[in-house]
Amino acid sequence: QKDPEATKKEQLSVKKLRVVLFALCSSTEQAARHFRNPPRRIRRWLRRFQAFHDDRPELPEGKYLSLEAEEKLAEWVLTQREQQLPVNEETLFQKATKIGRALEGGFQISYEWAVRFMLRHHLSTHTRRGVAHPLPKEIQGNAGAFIEFVQRQIHTQELPLAMIAAVDEISLFLDVEILGSDDRKENALQTVGNGEPWCELVLTVLADGSVLPALLISRGRLPCPAAVPKSILLESKENGCGDDEIMELWAARVWRKHTECRGGGASKGMLVLDCHRTHLSEEVLAVLSAAGALPAVIPAGCSSRIQPLDVCVKRSLKNFLHKKWKERAKDLVDSDSSALLQLLLGWLGEALEILGNCPELIRKSFLVASVLPGPAGDSGSPRRNGDEQEELIAAMEERLNIAKSRESSPEFPENDDAEADPEILHRLFEGESEAESFYGFEEADLELMEI
């Protein structure tokens, strides 16, 4: 039995828990930059937190959210991320407080509780096995019904793989103030944010492994770029586009062209798309119907598990763009919007060319997301799909040349085996320095806030 004092020393301080929470909500690298702590140290703190709570699984005395309330909060986190809205310390605590007041009449909130919550519901952005983890109970049923509907429609309508598409958007936010500052320029381009995006990118992949041209909508009236890759259809709008207009443009410029190439309007198709990012109005539904497309709208909160683009393509493409931006950020101080757009077009063209040469990875994404049944007619076990998702992400990152060694940026150990085996945790994090320092924290005690 462990010495009580030794066990007490293993628990993380509030300052460390705050850093770990930041890392779970965004990324280890962003937490390292924000708090000026090495990524290896942050990962070691998470390992210590997990090891400590393996021995002390119960919550301390006090009022905490019920499982029902926590599941509502988990649903909110998932839907926020679908809409590329921030999930961070502030927004998480605000929403937890609101749910707690509505369902519990008040509860105790702390960084320890928040980190536990993120881990308990598999909400870390680091996991490469998202499809293996269960969704909150209420939306898990919606996901199952959606998968059944999609597979039945594909079978009964005998849809060819080339007419089954996954469509989704990536919004790119450019912070001009940070771009003009002396440091932190690498944070000026983000794929999560509030307000109007700088550019909207609409991606389309097909179940046969093909990649259709991407639609890029930039905000502002800019001179026509000198070079636009063939894989990109560029639209510049002074005030950007609403969701309806984006889908109408996509239907006209991308999907109609694709169906025409396959012999016109006789071809039926299915579109797997996110309900939040498209806001399917009657006008959009009419446009899609006229184009011979059946919209299969993913239930809210389920995209991370059953949107083929979410299995590996979107996260890999985002990481690719962040890598490219980071490499050039220091040189972009005096660049105008036209020059930045030209850079983005070049990077996207490079990435889309690579994606176009990975049909086997895209085909497998549809299988792992269970949009298509497996060879045996089933959707595969969660563990097997998790294994395959992990392999897909690694393969895609290697193709995009963004694969990182575990030394420089390992994943949090969130897969089933690592969670179950302390020895694997030890191997992942061994050799890390015990030296610690803190930057950017106020001295006030933040251990427990009574809501």
Protein backbone atom coordinates (compact mmCIF):
# COMPACT_ATOMS: atom_id res chain seq x y z
CA GLN A 1 0.00 0.00 0.00
CA LYS A 2 1.28 3.45 -0.92
CA ASP A 3 2.30 5.93 1.69
CA PRO A 4 -0.51 8.56 1.93
CA GLU A 5 1.96 11.43 1.79
CA ALA A 6 3.64 9.98 -1.29
CA THR A 7 0.24 9.62 -2.96
CA LYS A 8 -0.64 13.19 -2.09
CA LYS A 9 2.51 14.43 -3.78
CA GLU A 10 1.47 12.71 -7.01
CA GLN A 11 -1.66 14.84 -7.39
CA LEU A 12 -1.13 17.82 -9.70
CA SER A 13 -1.34 21.38 -8.47
CA VAL A 14 -4.02 23.71 -9.80
CA LYS A 15 -1.44 25.38 -12.02
CA LYS A 16 -0.47 22.11 -13.66
CA LEU A 17 -4.10 21.00 -14.02
CA ARG A 18 -4.88 24.22 -15.83
CA VAL A 19 -2.12 23.52 -18.35
CA VAL A 20 -3.31 19.93 -18.84
CA LEU A 21 -6.90 21.09 -19.39
CA PHE A 22 -5.70 23.55 -22.03
CA ALA A 23 -3.82 20.73 -23.77
CA LEU A 24 -6.86 18.42 -23.72
CA CYS A 25 -9.08 21.14 -25.18
CA SER A 26 -6.66 22.21 -27.92
CA SER A 27 -3.25 20.58 -28.31
CA THR A 28 -0.07 19.92 -26.38
CA GLU A 29 1.85 22.27 -28.66
CA GLN A 30 -0.58 25.15 -28.15
CA ALA A 31 -0.52 24.60 -24.39
CA ALA A 32 3.29 24.55 -24.47
CA ARG A 33 3.39 27.88 -26.33
CA HIS A 34 0.71 29.51 -24.21
CA PHE A 35 2.19 28.52 -20.84
CA ARG A 36 5.84 28.32 -21.97
CA ASN A 37 6.29 24.78 -20.74
CA PRO A 38 7.91 21.98 -22.76
CA PRO A 39 5.42 19.57 -24.36
CA ARG A 40 7.15 16.60 -22.71
CA ARG A 41 6.50 18.08 -19.28
CA ILE A 42 2.81 18.60 -20.04
CA ARG A 43 2.46 15.03 -21.23
CA ARG A 44 4.17 13.80 -18.06
CA TRP A 45 1.68 15.76 -15.95
CA LEU A 46 -1.20 14.04 -17.70
CA ARG A 47 0.39 10.65 -17.09
CA ARG A 48 0.78 11.51 -13.41
CA PHE A 49 -2.85 12.62 -13.22
CA GLN A 50 -4.03 9.35 -14.76
CA ALA A 51 -1.83 7.24 -12.50
CA PHE A 52 -3.02 9.10 -9.39
CA HIS A 53 -6.70 8.70 -10.25
CA ASP A 54 -6.31 5.02 -11.11
CA ASP A 55 -5.64 4.61 -7.38
CA ARG A 56 -8.31 7.13 -6.31
CA PRO A 57 -11.17 6.83 -8.81
CA GLU A 58 -13.84 8.42 -6.62
CA LEU A 59 -14.51 12.16 -6.64
CA PRO A 60 -13.81 14.10 -3.45
CA GLU A 61 -16.69 15.04 -1.15
CA GLY A 62 -19.06 17.63 -2.58
CA LYS A 63 -21.73 18.23 -5.20
CA TYR A 64 -20.76 17.20 -8.73
CA LEU A 65 -22.61 16.83 -11.99
CA SER A 66 -24.63 13.66 -12.44
CA LEU A 67 -23.82 11.32 -15.31
CA GLU A 68 -26.88 12.66 -17.15
CA ALA A 69 -25.62 16.23 -16.80
CA GLU A 70 -22.08 15.26 -17.81
CA GLU A 71 -23.42 13.58 -20.94
CA LYS A 72 -25.25 16.77 -21.87
CA LEU A 73 -21.99 18.66 -21.43
CA ALA A 74 -20.13 16.08 -23.55
CA GLU A 75 -22.75 16.51 -26.30
CA TRP A 76 -22.15 20.25 -26.19
CA VAL A 77 -18.37 19.79 -26.56
CA LEU A 78 -18.86 17.56 -29.60
CA THR A 79 -21.33 19.92 -31.30
CA GLN A 80 -19.10 22.95 -30.59
CA ARG A 81 -16.23 21.24 -32.34
CA GLU A 82 -18.43 20.30 -35.30
CA GLN A 83 -19.07 24.01 -35.76
CA GLN A 84 -15.37 24.88 -35.27
CA LEU A 85 -16.26 26.94 -32.21
CA PRO A 86 -13.84 27.21 -29.27
CA VAL A 87 -13.87 24.67 -26.45
CA ASN A 88 -11.58 26.03 -23.76
CA GLU A 89 -11.42 26.66 -20.03
CA GLU A 90 -13.78 29.64 -20.19
CA THR A 91 -16.43 28.17 -22.49
CA LEU A 92 -16.32 24.76 -20.78
CA PHE A 93 -16.79 26.20 -17.29
CA GLN A 94 -19.56 28.52 -18.48
CA LYS A 95 -21.50 25.69 -20.07
CA ALA A 96 -20.90 23.36 -17.11
CA THR A 97 -22.19 26.07 -14.78
CA LYS A 98 -25.31 26.58 -16.90
CA ILE A 99 -26.06 22.85 -17.02
CA GLY A 100 -25.29 22.48 -13.32
CA ARG A 101 -27.69 25.24 -12.37
CA ALA A 102 -30.43 23.85 -14.61
CA LEU A 103 -30.15 20.22 -13.48
CA GLU A 104 -28.40 20.18 -10.13
CA GLY A 105 -29.13 23.47 -8.42
CA GLY A 106 -25.42 24.31 -8.26
CA PHE A 107 -22.26 22.24 -8.05
CA GLN A 108 -18.55 22.47 -7.29
CA ILE A 109 -16.32 23.07 -10.28
CA SER A 110 -12.56 22.69 -10.36
CA TYR A 111 -9.73 22.02 -12.75
CA GLU A 112 -9.44 18.49 -11.37
CA TRP A 113 -13.10 17.83 -12.21
CA ALA A 114 -12.69 19.37 -15.70
CA VAL A 115 -9.66 17.21 -16.60
CA ARG A 116 -11.45 14.10 -15.27
CA PHE A 117 -14.50 15.00 -17.35
CA MET A 118 -12.52 15.43 -20.58
CA LEU A 119 -10.75 12.09 -20.09
CA ARG A 120 -13.81 10.17 -18.86
CA HIS A 121 -15.78 11.10 -21.99
CA HIS A 122 -12.85 10.70 -24.42
CA LEU A 123 -13.03 14.36 -25.46
CA SER A 124 -9.33 15.03 -25.92
CA THR A 125 -8.46 16.37 -29.37
CA HIS A 126 -5.40 14.09 -29.31
CA THR A 127 -7.11 10.75 -29.70
CA ARG A 128 -6.45 8.93 -32.95
CA ARG A 129 -9.06 6.31 -32.08
CA GLY A 130 -12.18 8.45 -31.86
CA VAL A 131 -14.37 5.92 -33.65
CA ALA A 132 -13.57 3.35 -30.93
CA HIS A 133 -15.00 5.48 -28.13
CA PRO A 134 -18.74 5.50 -27.32
CA LEU A 135 -20.71 8.68 -27.81
CA PRO A 136 -22.95 10.07 -25.05
CA LYS A 137 -25.88 7.69 -24.66
CA GLU A 138 -28.56 9.91 -26.20
CA ILE A 139 -26.67 10.60 -29.41
CA GLN A 140 -25.18 7.10 -29.65
CA GLY A 141 -28.65 5.88 -30.63
CA ASN A 142 -28.93 8.62 -33.25
CA ALA A 143 -25.59 7.56 -34.71
CA GLY A 144 -26.70 3.93 -34.96
CA ALA A 145 -29.96 4.88 -36.68
CA PHE A 146 -28.07 7.09 -39.15
CA ILE A 147 -25.62 4.32 -40.07
CA GLU A 148 -28.50 1.89 -40.59
CA PHE A 149 -30.35 4.41 -42.80
CA VAL A 150 -27.29 5.19 -44.95
CA GLN A 151 -26.31 1.56 -45.50
CA ARG A 152 -29.92 0.63 -46.34
CA GLN A 153 -30.21 3.47 -48.89
CA ILE A 154 -26.93 2.55 -50.54
CA HIS A 155 -28.09 -1.07 -50.85
CA THR A 156 -31.70 -0.52 -51.96
CA GLN A 157 -30.87 2.26 -54.45
CA GLU A 158 -27.76 0.43 -55.66
CA LEU A 159 -25.67 3.58 -55.42
CA PRO A 160 -22.27 3.31 -57.11
CA LEU A 161 -19.29 4.21 -54.90
CA ALA A 162 -18.47 7.14 -57.18
CA MET A 163 -21.85 8.70 -56.28
CA ILE A 164 -21.47 8.44 -52.50
CA ALA A 165 -19.81 11.61 -51.24
CA ALA A 166 -18.70 13.01 -47.89
CA VAL A 167 -18.82 16.82 -47.82
CA ASP A 168 -17.58 19.15 -45.09
CA GLU A 169 -16.12 22.58 -44.51
CA ILE A 170 -12.98 23.88 -42.88
CA SER A 171 -13.16 27.51 -41.80
CA LEU A 172 -9.86 29.39 -41.66
CA PHE A 173 -9.59 32.35 -39.29
CA LEU A 174 -6.83 34.95 -39.71
CA ASP A 175 -6.01 37.21 -36.75
CA VAL A 176 -4.47 40.31 -38.34
CA GLU A 177 -3.51 41.77 -34.95
CA ILE A 178 -1.46 38.70 -33.99
CA LEU A 179 0.04 38.59 -37.50
CA GLY A 180 1.31 42.14 -37.03
CA SER A 181 2.76 41.50 -33.56
CA ASP A 182 6.40 40.78 -32.79
CA ASP A 183 5.78 37.24 -31.60
CA ARG A 184 3.13 34.48 -31.66
CA LYS A 185 2.72 34.91 -35.44
CA GLU A 186 2.40 31.14 -35.74
CA ASN A 187 -0.97 31.50 -33.93
CA ALA A 188 -2.42 33.96 -36.44
CA LEU A 189 -3.99 31.24 -38.60
CA GLN A 190 -6.53 29.06 -36.80
CA THR A 191 -9.18 26.52 -37.73
CA VAL A 192 -11.32 27.30 -34.67
CA GLY A 193 -12.77 30.69 -33.89
CA ASN A 194 -15.64 33.09 -33.41
CA GLY A 195 -16.66 35.72 -35.91
CA GLU A 196 -16.33 35.66 -39.67
CA PRO A 197 -13.71 33.36 -41.22
CA TRP A 198 -11.07 34.59 -43.65
CA CYS A 199 -11.69 31.65 -45.97
CA GLU A 200 -14.12 28.72 -46.18
CA LEU A 201 -12.88 25.49 -47.71
CA VAL A 202 -15.42 22.87 -48.83
CA LEU A 203 -13.93 19.39 -49.22
CA THR A 204 -15.54 16.49 -51.09
CA VAL A 205 -14.31 12.90 -51.19
CA LEU A 206 -16.01 9.87 -52.76
CA ALA A 207 -16.41 6.33 -51.48
CA ASP A 208 -14.43 5.04 -54.47
CA GLY A 209 -11.40 6.96 -53.14
CA SER A 210 -11.62 9.97 -55.47
CA VAL A 211 -11.23 13.60 -54.41
CA LEU A 212 -13.42 16.19 -56.13
CA PRO A 213 -12.20 19.78 -56.64
CA ALA A 214 -12.26 21.79 -53.42
CA LEU A 215 -14.31 24.98 -53.27
CA LEU A 216 -12.46 27.87 -51.58
CA ILE A 217 -14.43 31.00 -50.70
CA SER A 218 -12.34 33.98 -49.63
CA ARG A 219 -13.65 37.10 -47.93
CA GLY A 220 -12.95 40.48 -49.54
CA ARG A 221 -12.56 41.69 -53.10
CA LEU A 222 -9.08 40.63 -54.13
CA PRO A 223 -7.28 40.66 -57.47
CA CYS A 224 -7.35 37.27 -59.17
CA PRO A 225 -4.40 35.21 -57.89
CA ALA A 226 -1.64 34.56 -60.39
CA ALA A 227 -2.00 30.81 -60.03
CA VAL A 228 -5.00 28.75 -58.91
CA PRO A 229 -4.39 24.98 -58.79
CA LYS A 230 -6.70 22.86 -60.95
CA SER A 231 -7.88 21.05 -57.83
CA ILE A 232 -9.37 24.28 -56.38
CA LEU A 233 -12.40 26.32 -57.45
CA LEU A 234 -11.94 29.86 -56.09
CA GLU A 235 -14.75 32.27 -55.23
CA SER A 236 -14.03 35.71 -53.75
CA LYS A 237 -16.94 37.45 -52.04
CA GLU A 238 -16.58 40.84 -50.39
CA ASN A 239 -18.70 39.85 -47.40
CA GLY A 240 -18.20 36.11 -47.57
CA CYS A 241 -21.08 33.66 -47.99
CA GLY A 242 -23.86 32.37 -45.80
CA ASP A 243 -24.20 28.62 -45.29
CA ASP A 244 -27.02 28.35 -47.83
CA GLU A 245 -25.01 30.20 -50.47
CA ILE A 246 -21.96 28.02 -49.83
CA MET A 247 -23.97 24.84 -50.45
CA GLU A 248 -25.64 26.31 -53.54
CA LEU A 249 -22.23 27.26 -54.96
CA TRP A 250 -20.90 23.80 -54.14
CA ALA A 251 -23.87 22.10 -55.81
CA ALA A 252 -23.46 24.18 -58.97
CA ARG A 253 -19.67 24.17 -59.30
CA VAL A 254 -18.67 20.80 -57.83
CA TRP A 255 -21.51 18.26 -57.68
CA ARG A 256 -23.24 19.13 -60.97
CA LYS A 257 -19.91 18.96 -62.80
CA HIS A 258 -19.28 15.55 -61.26
CA THR A 259 -22.70 14.15 -62.25
CA GLU A 260 -22.35 15.58 -65.78
CA CYS A 261 -19.06 13.74 -66.16
CA ARG A 262 -20.89 10.53 -65.24
CA GLY A 263 -23.60 10.98 -67.86
CA GLY A 264 -25.90 13.69 -66.58
CA GLY A 265 -28.85 13.82 -64.23
CA ALA A 266 -29.75 10.14 -64.43
CA SER A 267 -27.15 9.31 -61.79
CA LYS A 268 -28.43 9.29 -58.23
CA GLY A 269 -26.08 10.22 -55.44
CA MET A 270 -25.82 10.46 -51.68
CA LEU A 271 -24.16 13.27 -49.73
CA VAL A 272 -22.98 12.61 -46.17
CA LEU A 273 -22.84 16.01 -44.51
CA ASP A 274 -22.93 17.77 -41.18
CA CYS A 275 -26.22 19.31 -40.06
CA HIS A 276 -24.57 22.24 -38.27
CA ARG A 277 -22.28 23.52 -40.97
CA THR A 278 -24.82 23.47 -43.77
CA HIS A 279 -28.13 24.53 -42.14
CA LEU A 280 -30.09 22.74 -44.82
CA SER A 281 -32.87 25.12 -45.79
CA GLU A 282 -35.68 24.34 -48.21
CA GLU A 283 -33.77 26.24 -50.90
CA VAL A 284 -30.62 24.13 -50.43
CA LEU A 285 -32.63 20.90 -50.29
CA ALA A 286 -34.30 21.86 -53.57
CA VAL A 287 -30.92 22.56 -55.20
CA LEU A 288 -29.49 19.22 -54.03
CA SER A 289 -32.61 17.33 -55.07
CA ALA A 290 -32.49 18.90 -58.53
CA ALA A 291 -28.89 17.71 -58.76
CA GLY A 292 -30.01 14.14 -57.97
CA ALA A 293 -28.45 14.09 -54.52
CA LEU A 294 -29.93 12.57 -51.37
CA PRO A 295 -28.61 14.48 -48.33
CA ALA A 296 -27.73 12.10 -45.50
CA VAL A 297 -27.50 14.56 -42.61
CA ILE A 298 -25.31 13.39 -39.72
CA PRO A 299 -27.07 13.81 -36.34
CA ALA A 300 -25.67 16.58 -34.11
CA GLY A 301 -22.61 15.54 -32.11
CA CYS A 302 -21.89 12.41 -34.15
CA SER A 303 -19.53 13.71 -36.86
CA SER A 304 -16.33 12.72 -35.07
CA ARG A 305 -17.39 9.07 -35.34
CA ILE A 306 -19.33 8.76 -38.62
CA GLN A 307 -18.18 11.54 -40.97
CA PRO A 308 -15.59 9.92 -43.30
CA LEU A 309 -13.74 13.24 -43.65
CA ASP A 310 -13.36 13.40 -39.86
CA VAL A 311 -11.73 9.96 -39.68
CA CYS A 312 -8.36 11.27 -40.89
CA VAL A 313 -8.52 13.71 -43.83
CA LYS A 314 -9.63 16.91 -42.10
CA ARG A 315 -7.32 16.65 -39.10
CA SER A 316 -4.35 15.80 -41.33
CA LEU A 317 -5.10 18.68 -43.70
CA LYS A 318 -5.45 21.12 -40.80
CA ASN A 319 -2.13 19.96 -39.36
CA PHE A 320 -0.53 20.32 -42.80
CA LEU A 321 -1.75 23.94 -43.09
CA HIS A 322 -0.61 24.75 -39.54
CA LYS A 323 2.82 23.30 -40.32
CA LYS A 324 3.14 25.33 -43.52
CA TRP A 325 1.97 28.49 -41.78
CA LYS A 326 4.37 28.02 -38.88
CA GLU A 327 7.27 27.62 -41.30
CA ARG A 328 6.45 30.93 -43.00
CA ALA A 329 4.85 32.94 -40.19
CA LYS A 330 7.89 35.09 -39.34
CA ASP A 331 8.19 36.24 -42.97
CA LEU A 332 4.56 37.30 -43.36
CA VAL A 333 4.49 40.60 -41.44
CA ASP A 334 4.10 42.87 -44.46
CA SER A 335 2.12 40.45 -46.63
CA ASP A 336 -1.23 41.69 -47.89
CA SER A 337 -4.36 39.57 -48.21
CA SER A 338 -3.65 38.75 -51.85
CA ALA A 339 -0.19 37.39 -51.05
CA LEU A 340 -1.54 35.34 -48.14
CA LEU A 341 -4.31 33.91 -50.33
CA GLN A 342 -1.77 32.93 -52.97
CA LEU A 343 0.28 31.11 -50.33
CA LEU A 344 -2.83 29.30 -49.08
CA LEU A 345 -3.76 28.26 -52.62
CA GLY A 346 -0.29 26.82 -53.13
CA TRP A 347 -0.42 24.83 -49.89
CA LEU A 348 -3.91 23.53 -50.59
CA GLY A 349 -2.95 22.55 -54.12
CA GLU A 350 0.00 20.58 -52.76
CA ALA A 351 -2.14 18.84 -50.13
CA LEU A 352 -4.99 18.02 -52.52
CA GLU A 353 -2.57 16.50 -55.02
CA ILE A 354 -1.28 14.20 -52.27
CA LEU A 355 -4.84 13.34 -51.15
CA GLY A 356 -5.71 12.51 -54.75
CA ASN A 357 -2.92 9.95 -54.72
CA CYS A 358 -4.30 8.23 -51.57
CA PRO A 359 -7.51 6.57 -52.84
CA GLU A 360 -7.01 3.54 -50.62
CA LEU A 361 -6.91 5.72 -47.48
CA ILE A 362 -10.06 7.61 -48.48
CA ARG A 363 -11.93 4.40 -49.31
CA LYS A 364 -11.00 2.97 -45.93
CA SER A 365 -12.24 6.16 -44.21
CA PHE A 366 -15.76 5.37 -45.44
CA LEU A 367 -15.46 1.87 -44.00
CA VAL A 368 -14.05 3.01 -40.65
CA ALA A 369 -16.83 5.61 -40.34
CA SER A 370 -19.34 2.78 -41.01
CA VAL A 371 -20.92 4.66 -43.92
CA LEU A 372 -20.11 1.53 -45.92
CA PRO A 373 -20.43 -1.95 -44.41
CA GLY A 374 -17.26 -4.01 -44.13
CA PRO A 375 -16.43 -6.92 -46.47
CA ALA A 376 -18.29 -9.30 -44.16
CA GLY A 377 -21.40 -7.09 -44.28
CA ASP A 378 -20.88 -5.62 -40.80
CA SER A 379 -19.49 -2.30 -39.59
CA GLY A 380 -16.60 -3.78 -37.63
CA SER A 381 -16.02 -3.72 -33.89
CA PRO A 382 -15.17 -0.39 -32.22
CA ARG A 383 -11.71 -1.67 -31.26
CA ARG A 384 -10.92 -2.80 -34.81
CA ASN A 385 -12.20 0.45 -36.28
CA GLY A 386 -10.10 2.34 -33.72
CA ASP A 387 -7.00 0.39 -34.76
CA GLU A 388 -7.70 1.15 -38.40
CA GLN A 389 -8.31 4.85 -37.75
CA GLU A 390 -4.98 5.09 -35.93
CA GLU A 391 -3.24 3.45 -38.90
CA LEU A 392 -5.06 5.72 -41.37
CA ILE A 393 -4.01 8.90 -39.58
CA ALA A 394 -0.39 7.76 -39.37
CA ALA A 395 -0.37 6.87 -43.08
CA MET A 396 -1.99 10.16 -44.12
CA GLU A 397 0.42 12.21 -42.03
CA GLU A 398 3.33 10.34 -43.55
CA ARG A 399 2.06 11.10 -47.06
CA LEU A 400 1.63 14.78 -46.15
CA ASN A 401 5.07 14.80 -44.53
CA ILE A 402 3.72 15.94 -41.18
CA ALA A 403 4.31 12.73 -39.25
CA LYS A 404 6.05 13.55 -35.98
CA SER A 405 8.22 11.34 -33.86
CA ARG A 406 6.98 10.59 -30.37
CA GLU A 407 10.04 12.39 -29.10
CA SER A 408 8.87 15.71 -30.51
CA SER A 409 5.11 15.43 -30.16
CA PRO A 410 3.60 12.16 -28.95
CA GLU A 411 -0.09 11.64 -28.55
CA PHE A 412 -1.67 11.58 -25.16
CA PRO A 413 -2.04 7.87 -24.41
CA GLU A 414 -5.76 7.72 -24.98
CA ASN A 415 -6.20 4.43 -26.75
CA ASP A 416 -7.65 1.43 -24.98
CA ASP A 417 -4.36 -0.39 -24.46
CA ALA A 418 -2.48 2.61 -23.07
CA GLU A 419 -5.29 3.44 -20.68
CA ALA A 420 -5.31 -0.12 -19.38
CA ASP A 421 -1.58 -0.76 -19.13
CA PRO A 422 0.55 1.47 -16.86
CA GLU A 423 3.69 -0.05 -18.39
CA ILE A 424 2.75 1.37 -21.80
CA LEU A 425 2.20 4.75 -20.18
CA HIS A 426 5.61 4.48 -18.56
CA ARG A 427 7.34 3.69 -21.86
CA LEU A 428 5.60 6.57 -23.60
CA PHE A 429 6.73 9.10 -21.05
CA GLU A 430 9.96 7.69 -19.64
CA GLY A 431 13.06 9.82 -19.55
CA GLU A 432 11.29 13.12 -18.96
CA SER A 433 12.90 15.73 -16.76
CA GLU A 434 11.45 16.45 -13.36
CA ALA A 435 12.52 20.09 -13.52
CA GLU A 436 9.44 22.34 -13.38
CA SER A 437 8.72 26.04 -13.74
CA PHE A 438 5.59 28.11 -14.18
CA TYR A 439 4.80 31.14 -16.29
CA GLY A 440 1.68 33.17 -16.87
CA PHE A 441 -0.31 32.14 -13.78
CA GLU A 442 -1.95 34.38 -11.24
CA GLU A 443 -1.19 33.53 -7.63
CA ALA A 444 -4.82 33.36 -6.49
CA ASP A 445 -5.97 29.92 -5.40
CA LEU A 446 -8.06 28.47 -8.22
CA GLU A 447 -8.51 25.02 -6.70
CA LEU A 448 -12.25 25.23 -6.16
CA MET A 449 -14.88 27.71 -7.29
CA GLU A 450 -18.36 27.40 -5.79
CA ILE A 451 -20.95 27.94 -8.49
